[in-house]
Protein backbone atom coordinates (compact mmCIF):
# COMPACT_ATOMS: atom_id res chain seq x y z
CA MET A 1 275.20 41.42 42.22
CA THR A 2 278.51 43.04 41.27
CA GLN A 3 279.99 46.14 42.85
CA PRO A 4 281.50 48.88 40.65
CA VAL A 5 285.28 48.67 40.42
CA MET A 6 287.24 51.11 42.56
CA ASN A 7 290.85 50.04 42.62
CA PRO A 8 293.28 52.02 44.82
CA GLU A 9 296.17 50.69 42.74
CA ASN A 10 294.78 52.65 39.77
CA TYR A 11 294.09 55.82 41.74
CA GLN A 12 296.97 57.85 40.31
CA VAL A 13 296.04 56.86 36.75
CA GLN A 14 292.47 58.14 37.15
CA LEU A 15 293.73 61.35 38.79
CA ASP A 16 296.16 61.96 35.93
CA GLU A 17 293.31 61.47 33.45
CA LYS A 18 291.18 64.01 35.30
CA ALA A 19 294.00 66.53 35.35
CA GLU A 20 294.55 66.08 31.62
CA ALA A 21 290.83 66.44 30.91
CA LEU A 22 290.48 69.59 33.02
CA SER A 23 293.54 71.20 31.44
CA ALA A 24 292.23 70.43 27.96
CA MET A 25 288.78 71.76 28.85
CA PHE A 26 290.22 75.16 29.79
CA SER A 27 292.90 75.31 27.10
CA GLU A 28 291.12 78.21 25.39
CA PHE A 29 291.82 80.33 28.45
CA ASP A 30 295.25 81.61 29.40
CA VAL A 31 295.61 79.47 32.52
CA PRO A 32 298.76 78.74 34.53
CA GLU A 33 299.98 75.22 35.21
CA LEU A 34 297.33 73.15 36.93
CA GLU A 35 297.87 72.49 40.64
CA VAL A 36 296.61 68.99 41.46
CA PHE A 37 295.50 67.99 44.94
CA SER A 38 295.02 64.27 45.45
CA SER A 39 292.68 62.34 47.72
CA PRO A 40 293.42 59.28 49.82
CA ALA A 41 292.86 56.28 47.55
CA GLU A 42 290.29 54.82 49.96
CA ASN A 43 288.27 55.69 53.07
CA TYR A 44 288.00 59.32 51.95
CA ARG A 45 284.25 60.01 52.15
CA MET A 46 282.95 61.35 55.44
CA ARG A 47 279.34 60.71 54.34
CA ALA A 48 277.57 57.63 53.00
CA GLU A 49 273.97 56.54 52.44
CA PHE A 50 272.77 52.96 52.02
CA ARG A 51 269.43 51.34 51.42
CA VAL A 52 268.64 48.50 53.81
CA TRP A 53 267.53 45.19 52.28
CA HIS A 54 265.47 42.68 54.25
CA GLU A 55 265.60 39.05 53.15
CA ASN A 56 264.02 36.54 55.55
CA ASP A 57 266.11 36.82 58.74
CA GLU A 58 268.95 38.54 56.92
CA MET A 59 269.39 42.31 56.67
CA TYR A 60 272.15 44.08 54.77
CA TYR A 61 273.12 47.29 52.99
CA VAL A 62 272.63 47.76 49.27
CA MET A 63 273.43 50.39 46.68
CA PHE A 64 272.22 50.75 43.11
CA ASN A 65 274.21 51.11 39.92
CA GLN A 66 273.12 54.49 38.56
CA GLU A 67 273.23 53.31 34.96
CA THR A 68 271.80 49.79 35.13
CA LYS A 69 269.73 50.27 38.34
CA GLU A 70 271.09 46.89 39.42
CA LYS A 71 271.37 46.53 43.18
CA TYR A 72 274.46 45.17 44.84
CA ARG A 73 275.17 44.21 48.42
CA VAL A 74 277.63 46.36 50.36
CA ASP A 75 279.49 44.84 53.29
CA TYR A 76 282.50 47.13 52.90
CA PHE A 77 282.38 50.45 51.05
CA LEU A 78 285.84 51.50 49.89
CA PRO A 79 285.14 55.27 49.60
CA ALA A 80 283.60 55.55 53.08
CA SER A 81 285.68 56.58 56.08
CA ARG A 82 287.19 53.90 58.25
CA ILE A 83 284.82 54.75 61.09
CA ILE A 84 281.79 54.22 58.82
CA ASN A 85 283.10 50.86 57.62
CA ASP A 86 283.85 49.78 61.19
CA LEU A 87 280.37 50.71 62.35
CA MET A 88 278.35 49.28 59.44
CA PRO A 89 278.36 45.56 60.44
CA LEU A 90 277.98 46.29 64.15
CA LEU A 91 274.93 48.45 63.48
CA THR A 92 273.14 45.86 61.33
CA GLU A 93 273.88 43.04 63.76
CA ALA A 94 272.49 45.06 66.66
CA VAL A 95 269.41 46.20 64.73
CA LYS A 96 268.62 42.65 63.63
CA GLU A 97 268.29 41.66 67.28
CA SER A 98 265.50 44.20 67.83
CA LYS A 99 262.17 43.75 66.05
CA ILE A 100 261.28 47.33 66.94
CA LEU A 101 264.40 48.84 65.42
CA ARG A 102 264.37 46.60 62.37
CA HIS A 103 260.68 46.89 61.44
CA LYS A 104 260.32 48.84 58.17
CA MET A 105 263.77 50.45 58.35
CA PHE A 106 264.73 51.14 54.73
CA GLN A 107 267.80 53.39 54.80
CA VAL A 108 270.79 54.38 56.94
CA ASP A 109 272.75 57.62 56.50
CA PHE A 110 276.18 58.08 58.05
CA LEU A 111 277.96 61.39 58.71
CA SER A 112 281.47 61.00 60.15
CA THR A 113 284.43 63.25 60.85
CA LEU A 114 288.21 63.17 60.78
CA SER A 115 287.99 64.00 64.48
CA GLY A 116 286.25 60.70 65.29
CA GLU A 117 282.58 61.59 65.70
CA ILE A 118 279.78 59.90 63.78
CA LEU A 119 276.06 60.58 63.34
CA VAL A 120 273.69 57.84 62.16
CA SER A 121 270.24 58.55 60.73
CA MET A 122 267.86 55.56 60.53
CA LEU A 123 264.96 56.01 58.09
CA TYR A 124 261.63 54.19 58.36
CA HIS A 125 258.45 53.53 56.41
CA ARG A 126 256.43 53.80 59.62
CA GLN A 127 255.86 56.19 62.49
CA LEU A 128 258.24 55.94 65.43
CA ASP A 129 257.11 55.79 69.06
CA ASP A 130 258.45 55.67 72.62
CA ALA A 131 259.23 51.96 72.24
CA TRP A 132 261.49 52.80 69.28
CA LYS A 133 263.13 55.61 71.24
CA LYS A 134 263.87 53.29 74.17
CA GLU A 135 265.46 50.67 71.89
CA ALA A 136 267.40 53.33 69.99
CA LYS A 137 268.87 54.74 73.21
CA ALA A 138 270.01 51.24 74.18
CA LEU A 139 271.54 50.81 70.71
CA LYS A 140 273.40 54.09 71.00
CA GLN A 141 274.78 53.14 74.41
CA ARG A 142 275.82 49.69 73.17
CA LEU A 143 277.74 51.11 70.21
CA ASN A 144 279.39 53.84 72.27
CA ASP A 145 280.46 51.18 74.76
CA GLU A 146 282.26 49.53 71.83
CA GLY A 147 284.37 52.65 71.33
CA PHE A 148 282.33 54.90 69.02
CA ASN A 149 281.50 58.57 69.60
CA LEU A 150 278.03 58.26 68.12
CA ASN A 151 274.65 59.96 68.05
CA LEU A 152 271.42 58.62 66.53
CA ILE A 153 268.49 60.14 64.66
CA GLY A 154 265.27 58.37 63.70
CA ARG A 155 263.33 59.62 60.68
CA ALA A 156 259.90 58.82 59.30
CA ARG A 157 257.37 60.74 57.24
CA LYS A 158 256.97 64.18 58.82
CA MET A 159 258.80 62.90 61.89
CA LYS A 160 262.27 63.23 63.36
CA ILE A 161 263.58 61.95 66.70
CA VAL A 162 267.01 63.24 67.75
CA LEU A 163 268.88 61.42 70.49
CA ASP A 164 270.98 64.20 72.05
CA GLN A 165 272.18 66.09 68.95
CA GLU A 166 271.75 66.27 65.17
CA PHE A 167 275.28 67.30 64.31
CA VAL A 168 278.92 66.32 64.55
CA ILE A 169 281.89 68.51 65.38
CA GLU A 170 284.67 68.32 62.83
CA LYS A 171 288.20 69.60 63.36
CA LEU A 172 290.21 70.43 60.25
CA LYS A 173 293.94 71.16 60.22
CA VAL A 174 294.75 74.14 58.03
CA ASN A 175 298.50 74.67 58.02
CA ASP A 176 299.26 75.21 61.73
CA ASP A 177 295.67 76.01 62.72
CA ILE A 178 292.96 73.63 63.96
CA LEU A 179 289.50 74.87 62.98
CA THR A 180 286.27 73.61 64.54
CA TYR A 181 283.18 73.12 62.39
CA LYS A 182 279.64 72.15 63.34
CA GLN A 183 278.22 69.89 60.61
CA VAL A 184 274.46 69.31 60.74
CA GLU A 185 272.65 66.26 59.38
CA ASN A 186 271.21 66.86 55.89
CA SER A 187 273.13 70.13 55.48
CA PHE A 188 275.90 70.52 52.93
CA THR A 189 279.44 69.79 54.03
CA GLN A 190 282.52 68.88 52.00
CA PRO A 191 282.38 65.06 51.71
CA ASN A 192 286.12 64.45 51.49
CA GLY A 193 287.71 65.67 54.72
CA VAL A 194 291.35 65.36 53.66
CA VAL A 195 290.78 67.18 50.36
CA ALA A 196 288.70 69.81 52.20
CA GLN A 197 291.78 70.61 54.27
CA LYS A 198 293.87 70.96 51.10
CA MET A 199 291.27 73.28 49.56
CA LEU A 200 291.37 75.53 52.61
CA GLU A 201 295.17 75.64 52.58
CA TRP A 202 295.16 76.51 48.87
CA ALA A 203 292.67 79.33 49.45
CA VAL A 204 294.73 80.69 52.34
CA ASP A 205 297.87 80.56 50.19
CA CYS A 206 296.21 82.38 47.28
CA THR A 207 295.12 85.24 49.52
CA GLN A 208 298.33 85.76 51.50
CA ASN A 209 299.23 89.44 52.00
CA SER A 210 295.71 90.57 51.07
CA GLN A 211 294.58 94.13 51.61
CA GLY A 212 291.18 95.23 52.88
CA ASP A 213 288.13 93.03 53.40
CA LEU A 214 286.76 89.83 51.86
CA LEU A 215 283.27 89.33 50.50
CA GLU A 216 282.10 85.72 50.24
CA LEU A 217 278.96 84.47 48.51
CA TYR A 218 277.45 81.01 49.12
CA CYS A 219 279.45 80.61 52.35
CA GLY A 220 277.64 77.51 53.72
CA ASN A 221 278.67 76.82 57.30
CA GLY A 222 281.56 79.28 57.05
CA ASN A 223 283.96 76.60 55.86
CA PHE A 224 286.21 78.98 53.90
CA SER A 225 285.24 82.16 55.77
CA LEU A 226 286.88 81.04 59.00
CA ALA A 227 290.09 79.81 57.36
CA LEU A 228 290.47 83.02 55.33
CA ALA A 229 289.63 85.44 58.14
CA LYS A 230 293.26 85.84 59.22
CA ASN A 231 294.21 87.11 55.75
CA PHE A 232 291.73 90.02 55.79
CA ASP A 233 290.69 92.91 58.00
CA ARG A 234 287.06 91.72 57.91
CA VAL A 235 284.98 89.06 56.16
CA LEU A 236 281.37 89.64 55.08
CA ALA A 237 279.71 86.39 53.98
CA THR A 238 276.26 85.49 52.67
CA GLU A 239 274.32 82.22 52.71
CA LEU A 240 270.65 81.49 52.05
CA ALA A 241 270.12 78.13 53.82
CA LYS A 242 269.06 78.76 57.42
CA PRO A 243 270.72 75.64 58.96
CA SER A 244 274.02 76.57 57.32
CA VAL A 245 273.82 80.13 58.63
CA GLU A 246 273.14 78.84 62.14
CA SER A 247 276.13 76.49 61.88
CA ALA A 248 278.30 79.34 60.61
CA GLN A 249 277.39 81.48 63.62
CA TYR A 250 278.24 78.55 65.93
CA ASN A 251 281.56 78.05 64.15
CA ILE A 252 282.52 81.72 64.42
CA ALA A 253 282.03 81.55 68.19
CA ALA A 254 283.71 78.15 68.57
CA ASN A 255 286.84 79.41 66.83
CA ASN A 256 286.91 82.76 68.68
CA ILE A 257 286.92 84.69 65.41
CA ASP A 258 285.77 88.30 65.70
CA ASN A 259 286.13 89.68 62.16
CA VAL A 260 283.57 87.53 60.28
CA GLN A 261 279.93 88.51 59.78
CA ILE A 262 277.38 86.19 58.16
CA ILE A 263 274.11 87.43 56.68
CA ARG A 264 271.28 85.23 55.45
CA MET A 265 270.67 86.35 51.88
CA SER A 266 270.82 84.94 48.37
CA ALA A 267 273.63 85.97 46.05
CA GLU A 268 271.06 87.59 43.73
CA ASP A 269 269.52 89.69 46.54
CA PHE A 270 272.95 90.66 47.78
CA THR A 271 273.88 91.82 44.29
CA ASP A 272 270.82 94.08 44.29
CA ALA A 273 271.77 95.42 47.73
CA MET A 274 275.35 96.14 46.67
CA GLU A 275 274.16 97.97 43.57
CA GLY A 276 271.61 99.96 45.57
CA LYS A 277 268.67 98.59 43.63
CA ARG A 278 266.78 97.56 46.77
CA GLU A 279 266.98 98.04 50.51
CA PHE A 280 266.84 94.99 52.77
CA ARG A 281 265.50 95.12 56.30
CA ARG A 282 267.68 92.19 57.40
CA LEU A 283 270.80 94.26 56.70
CA LYS A 284 269.49 97.07 58.90
CA ASP A 285 268.43 94.60 61.61
CA GLN A 286 271.96 93.18 61.72
CA ASN A 287 273.58 96.63 61.57
CA VAL A 288 275.34 95.76 58.33
CA ASP A 289 276.64 98.87 56.60
CA LEU A 290 277.81 97.69 53.19
CA LYS A 291 279.51 101.01 52.54
CA SER A 292 281.81 100.49 55.53
CA TYR A 293 283.44 97.47 53.90
CA ASN A 294 286.50 97.80 51.71
CA CYS A 295 286.23 94.49 49.82
CA ASN A 296 289.00 94.13 47.26
CA THR A 297 288.63 90.35 47.10
CA ILE A 298 285.52 88.24 46.53
CA PHE A 299 285.15 84.51 47.10
CA VAL A 300 282.43 82.45 45.41
CA ASP A 301 281.58 78.77 45.76
CA PRO A 302 278.28 78.55 43.85
CA PRO A 303 275.98 75.54 43.32
CA ARG A 304 276.37 73.33 40.24
CA SER A 305 274.38 75.82 38.16
CA GLY A 306 277.13 78.41 38.62
CA MET A 307 276.51 82.15 38.88
CA ASP A 308 273.83 84.01 36.98
CA GLU A 309 274.95 86.75 34.58
CA GLY A 310 274.04 89.56 36.99
CA THR A 311 276.14 88.07 39.79
CA CYS A 312 279.04 87.50 37.39
CA LYS A 313 279.00 91.16 36.40
CA MET A 314 278.89 92.23 40.05
CA VAL A 315 281.84 89.94 40.81
CA GLN A 316 283.81 91.62 38.00
CA GLY A 317 283.89 94.77 40.13
CA TYR A 318 286.45 93.25 42.51
CA GLU A 319 290.20 93.31 42.04
CA ARG A 320 290.65 89.65 42.95
CA ILE A 321 288.24 86.74 42.56
CA MET A 322 288.53 83.30 44.08
CA TYR A 323 286.13 80.79 42.54
CA ILE A 324 285.63 77.21 43.76
CA SER A 325 283.49 75.15 41.39
CA CYS A 326 281.89 71.71 41.60
CA ASN A 327 280.94 71.91 37.92
CA PRO A 328 283.67 72.81 35.39
CA GLU A 329 281.05 73.33 32.68
CA THR A 330 279.39 76.24 34.49
CA LEU A 331 282.78 77.52 35.66
CA LYS A 332 283.85 77.69 32.03
CA ALA A 333 280.70 79.61 31.12
CA ASN A 334 281.26 82.07 33.97
CA LEU A 335 284.90 82.53 32.95
CA ASP A 336 283.70 83.67 29.51
CA ILE A 337 282.46 86.74 31.38
CA LEU A 338 285.05 87.04 34.14
CA GLY A 339 287.94 86.48 31.72
CA LYS A 340 287.10 89.73 29.92
CA THR A 341 288.26 91.78 32.90
CA HIS A 342 290.49 89.42 34.89
CA ASN A 343 293.50 87.14 34.35
CA ILE A 344 293.56 83.61 35.80
CA THR A 345 296.68 83.44 37.99
CA ARG A 346 296.03 80.17 39.88
CA PHE A 347 294.27 77.03 38.62
CA ALA A 348 293.64 73.93 40.73
CA LEU A 349 292.02 70.50 40.66
CA PHE A 350 290.77 69.04 43.94
CA ASP A 351 289.94 65.34 43.71
CA GLN A 352 286.94 65.35 46.03
CA PHE A 353 285.34 62.37 44.26
CA PRO A 354 287.87 59.72 43.21
CA TYR A 355 286.84 57.06 40.66
CA THR A 356 284.08 59.31 39.28
CA HIS A 357 283.93 61.88 36.47
CA HIS A 358 283.30 64.68 38.99
CA MET A 359 285.97 67.37 39.22
CA GLU A 360 286.22 70.14 41.81
CA ALA A 361 288.15 73.10 40.42
CA GLY A 362 289.54 76.32 41.83
CA VAL A 363 290.62 79.47 40.02
CA PHE A 364 292.10 82.70 41.32
CA LEU A 365 291.69 85.75 39.10
CA GLU A 366 293.25 89.20 39.27
CA LEU A 367 292.11 92.38 37.53
CA LYS A 368 293.83 93.08 34.23
CA LYS A 369 296.10 96.09 34.26
């Protein structure tokens, strides 16, 4: 069983190759010089998931090669945060000592933070009972006694047991500010904490000296909304996933921010609302008067599929557009539309996923004069 090669000594080479590839990919557009934001060469992922392999009395983590489907044992996972790597062997050793905790456990998910918290989800092919809960509480206490700030979740089919809480609290440094973020298990969060900080700082820099209000689509847990709030009079943000909206509301309160409003709505529905095609009760219920906003800038961070044509055309109505993309292919397709009315004035590569072909890109566009 061989593990894929991830060599920190070659990190800069792979980053340079990505930068060259991204620049070439967008060469047909009039883009400025690419700004490149690097990742730590190791221990950069705040999340990791491992299958658990049982072999006689032995139990260990495995992953699978996506191309060959070959499994390989993982005792140390270079991309994962230091806290995840420190916890991995201690967790398996402790679980092995308990027949109740070990029985039919098939996966472990880790969610860690730069601020030192970690959440562990243990997945089972059986129903969990009070005996499991008692053993899990003892496990949690044992690991916290060893210096971890840890919470545990047990999962089985149609079943979830939360010991205390199902989230971690992350603290990200954005220039001179420390922002607090609630990150819930199984909800989207940026996986690379250090690069996430760089993305926020880039977004803040792009929007310095802004006028009016900001509209943000696909806002998630308010990751960018909170960092950008100081650059605008008000921020109106939309998100469809209920857990993310709840986290965003928590984060607004935790950071004492009073000029951000989050509404639960898809980008497509919001487009219809903005264009007056339909009325939405949820906007009335939350006392959201779209006409009261003076949004000169719009921020979008869409899923891999990018924005649909209708949303792209709505976005064209704003003087300035900030677009964060996890898929350069769909970004390029969207820019075929946006580029007709706007110039690209900032262009960035964020290396969220070192040693992979994945590229996170950012563009800032301003209306052509």
